[in-house]
Amino acid sequence: MEDVIKQLLLKMGEDPDREGLRDTPARMTKSLQFLTEGYRQDPQTIINDAIFNEDCNHMVIVRDIEVYSMCEHHMLPFFGRCHIGYIPYGRVFGVSKLARLVDCYARRLQLQERLTQQVARIIRDSINPEGVGVVIEAQHLCMMMRGVEKQNSKMVTSAMLGSFHDSVATRNEFLQLIQLNTA
């Protein structure tokens, strides 16, 4: 990968041997390996044994999980917040596992729409809750730094499964409790 990055620098008109760029291929390789480590992670291994039997049927919400990913179209970052809600049906997650699952899928070349669906589906498939809601709000550098250059734009995606999809009241309760910032 370092050789490819060195060639990229040359194609950009840079001198990869100048002082400030001499170690850039190694640093960029390490950075890209970290930013795409989700390809080398298994969501089931992340969950491991952190699912617990619990007689709970009230909405569980974890909000404001930081999300950092890279769009697959331009390989530029997008970042924001993920909000997860679910209504357990006898089983609950260890709370940190939800954030780890978000990271697992976010650390791949992504579309925000796909990321939102992947998080919702792994929760559904792992604990079979009554319902799941996932909302991601993010800013995309491919829209902010290039193209239309709209620095204040945010993209909001949602995935509503089970009762979050079927019941307007459940969906509205979730959306009210996560209180998306509109400012």
N, C-alpha and C. Protein backbone atom coordinates (compact mmCIF):
# COMPACT_ATOMS: atom_id res chain seq x y z
N MET A 1 0.83 -1.19 0.00
CA MET A 1 0.00 0.00 0.00
C MET A 1 0.87 1.26 0.00
N GLU A 2 2.00 1.18 0.68
CA GLU A 2 2.88 2.35 0.74
C GLU A 2 3.37 2.74 -0.65
N ASP A 3 3.67 1.75 -1.48
CA ASP A 3 4.12 2.05 -2.85
C ASP A 3 3.02 2.73 -3.65
N VAL A 4 1.79 2.29 -3.48
CA VAL A 4 0.66 2.89 -4.19
C VAL A 4 0.48 4.35 -3.74
N ILE A 5 0.62 4.60 -2.46
CA ILE A 5 0.46 5.97 -1.93
C ILE A 5 1.60 6.86 -2.44
N LYS A 6 2.78 6.30 -2.50
CA LYS A 6 3.92 7.07 -3.05
C LYS A 6 3.64 7.43 -4.51
N GLN A 7 3.11 6.48 -5.29
CA GLN A 7 2.76 6.75 -6.68
C GLN A 7 1.65 7.79 -6.78
N LEU A 8 0.69 7.73 -5.87
CA LEU A 8 -0.39 8.72 -5.84
C LEU A 8 0.18 10.12 -5.61
N LEU A 9 1.10 10.24 -4.68
CA LEU A 9 1.74 11.53 -4.42
C LEU A 9 2.45 12.05 -5.68
N LEU A 10 3.13 11.16 -6.37
CA LEU A 10 3.80 11.55 -7.61
C LEU A 10 2.80 12.02 -8.66
N LYS A 11 1.68 11.30 -8.81
CA LYS A 11 0.64 11.67 -9.78
C LYS A 11 0.01 13.01 -9.44
N MET A 12 0.00 13.36 -8.15
CA MET A 12 -0.56 14.65 -7.73
C MET A 12 0.42 15.79 -7.99
N GLY A 13 1.64 15.45 -8.36
CA GLY A 13 2.65 16.48 -8.61
C GLY A 13 3.52 16.77 -7.41
N GLU A 14 3.47 15.90 -6.43
CA GLU A 14 4.27 16.08 -5.22
C GLU A 14 5.57 15.28 -5.30
N ASP A 15 6.48 15.64 -4.42
CA ASP A 15 7.73 14.91 -4.28
C ASP A 15 7.65 14.07 -3.01
N PRO A 16 7.42 12.77 -3.12
CA PRO A 16 7.27 11.94 -1.93
C PRO A 16 8.54 11.83 -1.10
N ASP A 17 9.65 12.31 -1.62
CA ASP A 17 10.90 12.25 -0.88
C ASP A 17 11.21 13.53 -0.11
N ARG A 18 10.37 14.55 -0.28
CA ARG A 18 10.64 15.78 0.48
C ARG A 18 10.33 15.52 1.96
N GLU A 19 10.93 16.33 2.82
CA GLU A 19 10.90 16.10 4.26
C GLU A 19 9.48 15.89 4.80
N GLY A 20 8.55 16.74 4.46
CA GLY A 20 7.20 16.64 5.03
C GLY A 20 6.41 15.44 4.55
N LEU A 21 6.80 14.85 3.43
CA LEU A 21 6.06 13.71 2.87
C LEU A 21 6.80 12.38 2.97
N ARG A 22 8.02 12.41 3.44
CA ARG A 22 8.85 11.21 3.43
C ARG A 22 8.18 10.04 4.15
N ASP A 23 7.53 10.29 5.26
CA ASP A 23 6.90 9.21 6.04
C ASP A 23 5.39 9.12 5.79
N THR A 24 4.87 9.94 4.88
CA THR A 24 3.43 9.96 4.63
C THR A 24 2.90 8.61 4.13
N PRO A 25 3.55 7.92 3.21
CA PRO A 25 3.00 6.63 2.78
C PRO A 25 2.81 5.65 3.95
N ALA A 26 3.74 5.60 4.86
CA ALA A 26 3.60 4.69 6.02
C ALA A 26 2.49 5.17 6.94
N ARG A 27 2.45 6.49 7.19
CA ARG A 27 1.40 7.02 8.07
C ARG A 27 0.02 6.83 7.46
N MET A 28 -0.11 7.08 6.15
CA MET A 28 -1.41 6.94 5.49
C MET A 28 -1.84 5.47 5.45
N THR A 29 -0.91 4.57 5.25
CA THR A 29 -1.23 3.14 5.29
C THR A 29 -1.79 2.76 6.64
N LYS A 30 -1.13 3.18 7.69
CA LYS A 30 -1.59 2.88 9.04
C LYS A 30 -2.97 3.49 9.29
N SER A 31 -3.16 4.71 8.84
CA SER A 31 -4.45 5.39 9.01
C SER A 31 -5.56 4.66 8.27
N LEU A 32 -5.33 4.29 7.01
CA LEU A 32 -6.34 3.59 6.23
C LEU A 32 -6.66 2.21 6.81
N GLN A 33 -5.65 1.54 7.34
CA GLN A 33 -5.91 0.25 7.98
C GLN A 33 -6.82 0.41 9.18
N PHE A 34 -6.61 1.46 9.97
CA PHE A 34 -7.48 1.73 11.12
C PHE A 34 -8.89 2.11 10.66
N LEU A 35 -8.98 3.01 9.68
CA LEU A 35 -10.28 3.51 9.23
C LEU A 35 -11.12 2.46 8.52
N THR A 36 -10.49 1.36 8.11
CA THR A 36 -11.23 0.29 7.44
C THR A 36 -11.15 -1.03 8.21
N GLU A 37 -10.87 -0.96 9.50
CA GLU A 37 -10.73 -2.20 10.27
C GLU A 37 -12.04 -2.97 10.39
N GLY A 38 -13.15 -2.35 10.06
CA GLY A 38 -14.43 -3.05 10.10
C GLY A 38 -14.49 -4.23 9.16
N TYR A 39 -13.71 -4.20 8.08
CA TYR A 39 -13.66 -5.34 7.16
C TYR A 39 -13.04 -6.56 7.83
N ARG A 40 -12.23 -6.34 8.84
CA ARG A 40 -11.53 -7.43 9.51
C ARG A 40 -12.18 -7.79 10.85
N GLN A 41 -13.38 -7.30 11.09
CA GLN A 41 -14.10 -7.58 12.32
C GLN A 41 -15.37 -8.37 12.02
N ASP A 42 -15.70 -9.27 12.91
CA ASP A 42 -16.93 -10.04 12.80
C ASP A 42 -17.92 -9.51 13.84
N PRO A 43 -19.07 -9.00 13.41
CA PRO A 43 -20.03 -8.46 14.38
C PRO A 43 -20.43 -9.47 15.46
N GLN A 44 -20.53 -10.75 15.11
CA GLN A 44 -20.90 -11.75 16.11
C GLN A 44 -19.82 -11.91 17.17
N THR A 45 -18.56 -11.78 16.77
CA THR A 45 -17.46 -11.83 17.74
C THR A 45 -17.51 -10.61 18.65
N ILE A 46 -17.88 -9.46 18.09
CA ILE A 46 -18.00 -8.24 18.92
C ILE A 46 -19.08 -8.44 19.98
N ILE A 47 -20.20 -8.98 19.56
CA ILE A 47 -21.31 -9.21 20.50
C ILE A 47 -20.91 -10.22 21.56
N ASN A 48 -20.23 -11.28 21.12
CA ASN A 48 -19.71 -12.33 22.00
C ASN A 48 -20.81 -12.82 22.93
N ASP A 49 -20.61 -12.68 24.21
CA ASP A 49 -21.61 -13.16 25.18
C ASP A 49 -22.27 -11.99 25.93
N ALA A 50 -22.32 -10.85 25.29
CA ALA A 50 -22.87 -9.66 25.94
C ALA A 50 -24.35 -9.46 25.61
N ILE A 51 -25.08 -10.55 25.55
CA ILE A 51 -26.53 -10.52 25.44
C ILE A 51 -27.06 -11.19 26.70
N PHE A 52 -27.96 -10.49 27.38
CA PHE A 52 -28.40 -10.95 28.68
C PHE A 52 -29.91 -11.16 28.70
N ASN A 53 -30.32 -12.23 29.34
CA ASN A 53 -31.75 -12.48 29.54
C ASN A 53 -32.27 -11.49 30.57
N GLU A 54 -33.29 -10.76 30.20
CA GLU A 54 -33.85 -9.75 31.09
C GLU A 54 -35.32 -9.59 30.78
N ASP A 55 -36.14 -9.63 31.82
CA ASP A 55 -37.58 -9.45 31.66
C ASP A 55 -37.87 -7.96 31.54
N CYS A 56 -37.62 -7.44 30.37
CA CYS A 56 -37.75 -6.01 30.11
C CYS A 56 -38.45 -5.84 28.77
N ASN A 57 -39.49 -5.02 28.76
CA ASN A 57 -40.17 -4.78 27.49
C ASN A 57 -40.42 -3.29 27.27
N HIS A 58 -39.55 -2.48 27.84
CA HIS A 58 -39.65 -1.03 27.67
C HIS A 58 -38.52 -0.58 26.74
N MET A 59 -38.74 0.53 26.08
CA MET A 59 -37.78 1.01 25.09
C MET A 59 -36.43 1.31 25.74
N VAL A 60 -35.38 0.82 25.09
CA VAL A 60 -34.00 1.07 25.49
C VAL A 60 -33.39 1.94 24.40
N ILE A 61 -32.77 3.05 24.80
CA ILE A 61 -32.20 3.98 23.82
C ILE A 61 -30.76 4.31 24.20
N VAL A 62 -29.89 4.26 23.21
CA VAL A 62 -28.54 4.80 23.34
C VAL A 62 -28.43 5.85 22.25
N ARG A 63 -28.20 7.09 22.65
CA ARG A 63 -28.15 8.17 21.66
C ARG A 63 -26.78 8.82 21.63
N ASP A 64 -26.55 9.55 20.58
CA ASP A 64 -25.33 10.33 20.40
C ASP A 64 -24.06 9.48 20.36
N ILE A 65 -24.15 8.31 19.73
CA ILE A 65 -22.96 7.50 19.49
C ILE A 65 -22.20 8.16 18.33
N GLU A 66 -20.97 8.55 18.56
CA GLU A 66 -20.20 9.20 17.50
C GLU A 66 -19.96 8.22 16.36
N VAL A 67 -20.10 8.72 15.14
CA VAL A 67 -19.89 7.92 13.94
C VAL A 67 -18.85 8.61 13.07
N TYR A 68 -17.85 7.85 12.67
CA TYR A 68 -16.86 8.33 11.71
C TYR A 68 -16.72 7.25 10.65
N SER A 69 -16.94 7.62 9.40
CA SER A 69 -16.84 6.66 8.32
C SER A 69 -16.29 7.35 7.09
N MET A 70 -16.16 6.59 6.01
CA MET A 70 -15.69 7.15 4.74
C MET A 70 -16.66 6.73 3.64
N CYS A 71 -17.11 7.71 2.86
CA CYS A 71 -18.03 7.38 1.78
C CYS A 71 -17.31 6.58 0.71
N GLU A 72 -18.02 5.63 0.17
CA GLU A 72 -17.40 4.77 -0.84
C GLU A 72 -17.26 5.45 -2.18
N HIS A 73 -17.95 6.56 -2.40
CA HIS A 73 -17.88 7.22 -3.70
C HIS A 73 -16.62 8.07 -3.87
N HIS A 74 -16.23 8.79 -2.82
CA HIS A 74 -15.09 9.70 -2.92
C HIS A 74 -13.98 9.37 -1.93
N MET A 75 -14.25 8.40 -1.04
CA MET A 75 -13.31 8.04 0.03
C MET A 75 -12.97 9.26 0.89
N LEU A 76 -13.98 10.09 1.11
CA LEU A 76 -13.85 11.21 2.03
C LEU A 76 -14.67 10.89 3.27
N PRO A 77 -14.29 11.44 4.41
CA PRO A 77 -15.00 11.13 5.65
C PRO A 77 -16.41 11.69 5.69
N PHE A 78 -17.26 10.98 6.42
CA PHE A 78 -18.50 11.56 6.92
C PHE A 78 -18.57 11.24 8.39
N PHE A 79 -19.22 12.12 9.14
CA PHE A 79 -19.20 11.98 10.59
C PHE A 79 -20.48 12.55 11.18
N GLY A 80 -20.84 12.03 12.31
CA GLY A 80 -22.06 12.50 12.96
C GLY A 80 -22.40 11.67 14.17
N ARG A 81 -23.72 11.43 14.34
CA ARG A 81 -24.21 10.73 15.52
C ARG A 81 -25.20 9.65 15.11
N CYS A 82 -25.17 8.57 15.87
CA CYS A 82 -26.10 7.47 15.67
C CYS A 82 -26.93 7.33 16.93
N HIS A 83 -28.23 7.13 16.74
CA HIS A 83 -29.16 6.93 17.85
C HIS A 83 -29.81 5.57 17.63
N ILE A 84 -29.81 4.75 18.67
CA ILE A 84 -30.36 3.40 18.57
C ILE A 84 -31.42 3.23 19.65
N GLY A 85 -32.54 2.66 19.26
CA GLY A 85 -33.57 2.30 20.22
C GLY A 85 -34.09 0.91 19.89
N TYR A 86 -34.44 0.16 20.93
CA TYR A 86 -35.07 -1.14 20.70
C TYR A 86 -35.97 -1.48 21.88
N ILE A 87 -36.94 -2.31 21.61
CA ILE A 87 -37.81 -2.81 22.66
C ILE A 87 -37.50 -4.29 22.83
N PRO A 88 -36.84 -4.64 23.94
CA PRO A 88 -36.41 -6.02 24.14
C PRO A 88 -37.60 -6.99 24.22
N TYR A 89 -37.31 -8.19 23.89
CA TYR A 89 -38.28 -9.28 24.04
C TYR A 89 -37.56 -10.39 24.79
N GLY A 90 -37.18 -10.07 26.04
CA GLY A 90 -36.53 -11.05 26.91
C GLY A 90 -35.01 -11.04 26.87
N ARG A 91 -34.42 -10.25 25.97
CA ARG A 91 -32.95 -10.22 25.88
C ARG A 91 -32.50 -8.78 25.61
N VAL A 92 -31.39 -8.39 26.26
CA VAL A 92 -30.83 -7.04 26.09
C VAL A 92 -29.34 -7.14 25.77
N PHE A 93 -28.83 -6.09 25.15
CA PHE A 93 -27.40 -5.99 24.85
C PHE A 93 -26.65 -5.37 26.01
N GLY A 94 -25.39 -5.75 26.20
CA GLY A 94 -24.48 -4.95 26.99
C GLY A 94 -24.33 -3.63 26.25
N VAL A 95 -24.49 -2.54 26.94
CA VAL A 95 -24.64 -1.24 26.28
C VAL A 95 -23.45 -0.86 25.39
N SER A 96 -22.24 -1.20 25.79
CA SER A 96 -21.08 -0.82 24.97
C SER A 96 -21.05 -1.56 23.64
N LYS A 97 -21.71 -2.70 23.57
CA LYS A 97 -21.70 -3.48 22.32
C LYS A 97 -22.40 -2.74 21.19
N LEU A 98 -23.40 -1.94 21.51
CA LEU A 98 -24.09 -1.18 20.47
C LEU A 98 -23.13 -0.20 19.80
N ALA A 99 -22.35 0.51 20.59
CA ALA A 99 -21.37 1.45 20.03
C ALA A 99 -20.30 0.70 19.25
N ARG A 100 -19.89 -0.44 19.73
CA ARG A 100 -18.87 -1.23 19.01
C ARG A 100 -19.40 -1.74 17.67
N LEU A 101 -20.68 -2.12 17.64
CA LEU A 101 -21.28 -2.56 16.38
C LEU A 101 -21.35 -1.41 15.37
N VAL A 102 -21.71 -0.22 15.85
CA VAL A 102 -21.73 0.95 14.97
C VAL A 102 -20.34 1.15 14.38
N ASP A 103 -19.31 1.11 15.22
CA ASP A 103 -17.93 1.29 14.73
C ASP A 103 -17.54 0.21 13.73
N CYS A 104 -17.93 -1.03 13.99
CA CYS A 104 -17.58 -2.14 13.10
C CYS A 104 -18.07 -1.87 11.68
N TYR A 105 -19.32 -1.44 11.56
CA TYR A 105 -19.87 -1.18 10.23
C TYR A 105 -19.41 0.17 9.67
N ALA A 106 -19.18 1.15 10.54
CA ALA A 106 -18.75 2.47 10.07
C ALA A 106 -17.31 2.44 9.55
N ARG A 107 -16.51 1.54 10.05
CA ARG A 107 -15.11 1.48 9.63
C ARG A 107 -14.94 0.59 8.41
N ARG A 108 -15.75 0.91 7.43
CA ARG A 108 -15.72 0.30 6.10
C ARG A 108 -16.06 1.42 5.13
N LEU A 109 -15.74 1.26 3.88
CA LEU A 109 -16.23 2.23 2.90
C LEU A 109 -17.74 2.07 2.88
N GLN A 110 -18.47 3.17 3.03
CA GLN A 110 -19.89 3.06 3.33
C GLN A 110 -20.74 4.04 2.55
N LEU A 111 -22.01 3.73 2.56
CA LEU A 111 -23.09 4.67 2.29
C LEU A 111 -23.82 4.82 3.62
N GLN A 112 -24.20 6.02 3.96
CA GLN A 112 -24.89 6.22 5.24
C GLN A 112 -26.18 5.40 5.29
N GLU A 113 -26.87 5.30 4.16
CA GLU A 113 -28.11 4.54 4.11
C GLU A 113 -27.86 3.07 4.47
N ARG A 114 -26.80 2.48 3.92
CA ARG A 114 -26.47 1.09 4.19
C ARG A 114 -26.05 0.91 5.65
N LEU A 115 -25.22 1.82 6.14
CA LEU A 115 -24.76 1.75 7.52
C LEU A 115 -25.94 1.71 8.49
N THR A 116 -26.91 2.55 8.26
CA THR A 116 -28.09 2.62 9.12
C THR A 116 -28.83 1.28 9.12
N GLN A 117 -29.02 0.71 7.94
CA GLN A 117 -29.69 -0.59 7.82
C GLN A 117 -28.89 -1.71 8.47
N GLN A 118 -27.57 -1.71 8.29
CA GLN A 118 -26.74 -2.77 8.86
C GLN A 118 -26.82 -2.79 10.38
N VAL A 119 -26.79 -1.62 10.99
CA VAL A 119 -26.87 -1.56 12.46
C VAL A 119 -28.22 -2.07 12.93
N ALA A 120 -29.29 -1.64 12.27
CA ALA A 120 -30.63 -2.09 12.68
C ALA A 120 -30.77 -3.60 12.52
N ARG A 121 -30.28 -4.15 11.43
CA ARG A 121 -30.44 -5.58 11.17
C ARG A 121 -29.64 -6.45 12.12
N ILE A 122 -28.41 -6.03 12.48
CA ILE A 122 -27.62 -6.86 13.40
C ILE A 122 -28.28 -6.91 14.77
N ILE A 123 -28.89 -5.80 15.19
CA ILE A 123 -29.62 -5.79 16.46
C ILE A 123 -30.82 -6.72 16.38
N ARG A 124 -31.60 -6.57 15.32
CA ARG A 124 -32.77 -7.44 15.14
C ARG A 124 -32.37 -8.91 15.09
N ASP A 125 -31.36 -9.23 14.32
CA ASP A 125 -30.97 -10.62 14.13
C ASP A 125 -30.33 -11.23 15.38
N SER A 126 -29.76 -10.40 16.24
CA SER A 126 -29.05 -10.90 17.42
C SER A 126 -29.94 -11.15 18.62
N ILE A 127 -30.95 -10.29 18.84
CA ILE A 127 -31.77 -10.45 20.05
C ILE A 127 -33.26 -10.58 19.77
N ASN A 128 -33.65 -10.50 18.51
CA ASN A 128 -35.06 -10.63 18.13
C ASN A 128 -35.97 -9.76 18.99
N PRO A 129 -35.73 -8.45 19.02
CA PRO A 129 -36.56 -7.56 19.84
C PRO A 129 -37.92 -7.34 19.19
N GLU A 130 -38.81 -6.73 19.95
CA GLU A 130 -40.11 -6.36 19.39
C GLU A 130 -39.95 -5.36 18.25
N GLY A 131 -38.97 -4.48 18.38
CA GLY A 131 -38.71 -3.50 17.34
C GLY A 131 -37.37 -2.84 17.52
N VAL A 132 -36.88 -2.24 16.44
CA VAL A 132 -35.59 -1.55 16.45
C VAL A 132 -35.73 -0.26 15.65
N GLY A 133 -35.13 0.80 16.15
CA GLY A 133 -35.03 2.04 15.41
C GLY A 133 -33.60 2.53 15.43
N VAL A 134 -33.08 2.92 14.28
CA VAL A 134 -31.73 3.49 14.19
C VAL A 134 -31.83 4.75 13.34
N VAL A 135 -31.28 5.84 13.85
CA VAL A 135 -31.22 7.09 13.12
C VAL A 135 -29.77 7.56 13.12
N ILE A 136 -29.28 7.92 11.95
CA ILE A 136 -27.94 8.49 11.84
C ILE A 136 -28.07 9.86 11.18
N GLU A 137 -27.46 10.85 11.81
CA GLU A 137 -27.38 12.18 11.22
C GLU A 137 -25.90 12.49 11.04
N ALA A 138 -25.52 12.85 9.81
CA ALA A 138 -24.09 13.01 9.54
C ALA A 138 -23.84 14.11 8.52
N GLN A 139 -22.63 14.63 8.59
CA GLN A 139 -22.14 15.60 7.63
C GLN A 139 -21.11 14.89 6.76
N HIS A 140 -21.18 15.16 5.48
CA HIS A 140 -20.33 14.48 4.50
C HIS A 140 -19.35 15.47 3.89
N LEU A 141 -18.06 15.18 4.06
CA LEU A 141 -17.05 16.09 3.51
C LEU A 141 -17.09 16.11 1.99
N CYS A 142 -17.63 15.07 1.35
CA CYS A 142 -17.75 15.11 -0.11
C CYS A 142 -18.75 16.17 -0.56
N MET A 143 -19.67 16.56 0.32
CA MET A 143 -20.59 17.67 0.01
C MET A 143 -20.07 18.99 0.54
N MET A 144 -19.24 18.94 1.57
CA MET A 144 -18.79 20.17 2.22
C MET A 144 -17.54 20.75 1.56
N MET A 145 -16.59 19.91 1.18
CA MET A 145 -15.30 20.37 0.68
C MET A 145 -15.22 20.45 -0.83
N ARG A 146 -16.11 19.75 -1.52
CA ARG A 146 -16.04 19.67 -2.99
C ARG A 146 -17.48 19.66 -3.50
N GLY A 147 -17.64 19.51 -4.78
CA GLY A 147 -18.98 19.42 -5.34
C GLY A 147 -19.81 20.65 -5.03
N VAL A 148 -20.94 20.47 -4.34
CA VAL A 148 -21.84 21.59 -4.07
C VAL A 148 -21.35 22.50 -2.96
N GLU A 149 -20.37 22.08 -2.17
CA GLU A 149 -19.76 22.89 -1.10
C GLU A 149 -20.80 23.48 -0.16
N LYS A 150 -21.62 22.65 0.42
CA LYS A 150 -22.64 23.07 1.38
C LYS A 150 -22.21 22.63 2.78
N GLN A 151 -21.55 23.55 3.48
CA GLN A 151 -20.92 23.23 4.76
C GLN A 151 -21.90 22.93 5.88
N ASN A 152 -23.12 23.38 5.80
CA ASN A 152 -24.06 23.19 6.91
C ASN A 152 -25.08 22.09 6.66
N SER A 153 -24.91 21.35 5.58
CA SER A 153 -25.88 20.30 5.27
C SER A 153 -25.64 19.07 6.14
N LYS A 154 -26.74 18.42 6.50
CA LYS A 154 -26.68 17.16 7.24
C LYS A 154 -27.59 16.17 6.53
N MET A 155 -27.17 14.95 6.53
CA MET A 155 -28.00 13.88 5.99
C MET A 155 -28.53 13.08 7.17
N VAL A 156 -29.82 12.78 7.15
CA VAL A 156 -30.44 11.99 8.21
C VAL A 156 -31.05 10.75 7.57
N THR A 157 -30.68 9.59 8.10
CA THR A 157 -31.23 8.33 7.62
C THR A 157 -31.82 7.57 8.80
N SER A 158 -32.83 6.77 8.51
CA SER A 158 -33.43 5.97 9.58
C SER A 158 -33.76 4.58 9.06
N ALA A 159 -33.72 3.65 9.99
CA ALA A 159 -34.16 2.28 9.73
C ALA A 159 -35.09 1.92 10.88
N MET A 160 -36.31 1.60 10.56
CA MET A 160 -37.32 1.25 11.56
C MET A 160 -37.80 -0.17 11.25
N LEU A 161 -37.59 -1.07 12.20
CA LEU A 161 -37.97 -2.47 12.02
C LEU A 161 -38.95 -2.89 13.11
N GLY A 162 -39.78 -3.85 12.82
CA GLY A 162 -40.74 -4.37 13.79
C GLY A 162 -41.70 -3.29 14.23
N SER A 163 -41.90 -3.18 15.55
CA SER A 163 -42.88 -2.23 16.07
C SER A 163 -42.51 -0.78 15.78
N PHE A 164 -41.24 -0.49 15.57
CA PHE A 164 -40.84 0.88 15.21
C PHE A 164 -41.33 1.23 13.80
N HIS A 165 -41.48 0.22 12.97
CA HIS A 165 -42.01 0.42 11.62
C HIS A 165 -43.53 0.39 11.62
N ASP A 166 -44.09 -0.56 12.35
CA ASP A 166 -45.53 -0.82 12.29
C ASP A 166 -46.37 0.13 13.13
N SER A 167 -45.79 0.68 14.20
CA SER A 167 -46.56 1.51 15.12
C SER A 167 -46.09 2.97 15.06
N VAL A 168 -46.97 3.84 14.62
CA VAL A 168 -46.64 5.27 14.58
C VAL A 168 -46.31 5.77 15.98
N ALA A 169 -47.04 5.31 16.99
CA ALA A 169 -46.81 5.77 18.37
C ALA A 169 -45.42 5.37 18.85
N THR A 170 -45.01 4.14 18.57
CA THR A 170 -43.67 3.69 18.98
C THR A 170 -42.59 4.49 18.27
N ARG A 171 -42.75 4.64 16.97
CA ARG A 171 -41.78 5.41 16.18
C ARG A 171 -41.69 6.85 16.69
N ASN A 172 -42.83 7.48 16.93
CA ASN A 172 -42.83 8.86 17.42
C ASN A 172 -42.22 8.99 18.81
N GLU A 173 -42.47 8.01 19.67
CA GLU A 173 -41.85 8.04 21.01
C GLU A 173 -40.33 8.00 20.88
N PHE A 174 -39.83 7.12 20.04
CA PHE A 174 -38.39 7.02 19.82
C PHE A 174 -37.83 8.33 19.28
N LEU A 175 -38.46 8.87 18.25
CA LEU A 175 -37.96 10.11 17.66
C LEU A 175 -38.01 11.27 18.64
N GLN A 176 -39.04 11.29 19.48
CA GLN A 176 -39.13 12.36 20.48
C GLN A 176 -38.04 12.19 21.54
N LEU A 177 -37.76 10.96 21.94
CA LEU A 177 -36.77 10.74 22.98
C LEU A 177 -35.34 11.00 22.51
N ILE A 178 -35.07 10.81 21.23
CA ILE A 178 -33.71 11.12 20.77
C ILE A 178 -33.57 12.59 20.44
N GLN A 179 -34.66 13.30 20.31
CA GLN A 179 -34.68 14.76 20.08
C GLN A 179 -33.56 15.20 19.15
N LEU A 180 -33.75 14.92 17.88
CA LEU A 180 -32.75 15.35 16.90
C LEU A 180 -32.57 16.86 16.96
N ASN A 181 -31.32 17.26 16.96
CA ASN A 181 -31.02 18.71 16.91
C ASN A 181 -31.35 19.22 15.52
N THR A 182 -32.14 20.25 15.46
CA THR A 182 -32.47 20.85 14.17
C THR A 182 -31.69 22.14 13.94
N ALA A 183 -30.86 22.51 14.91
CA ALA A 183 -30.10 23.77 14.77
C ALA A 183 -28.85 23.56 13.94
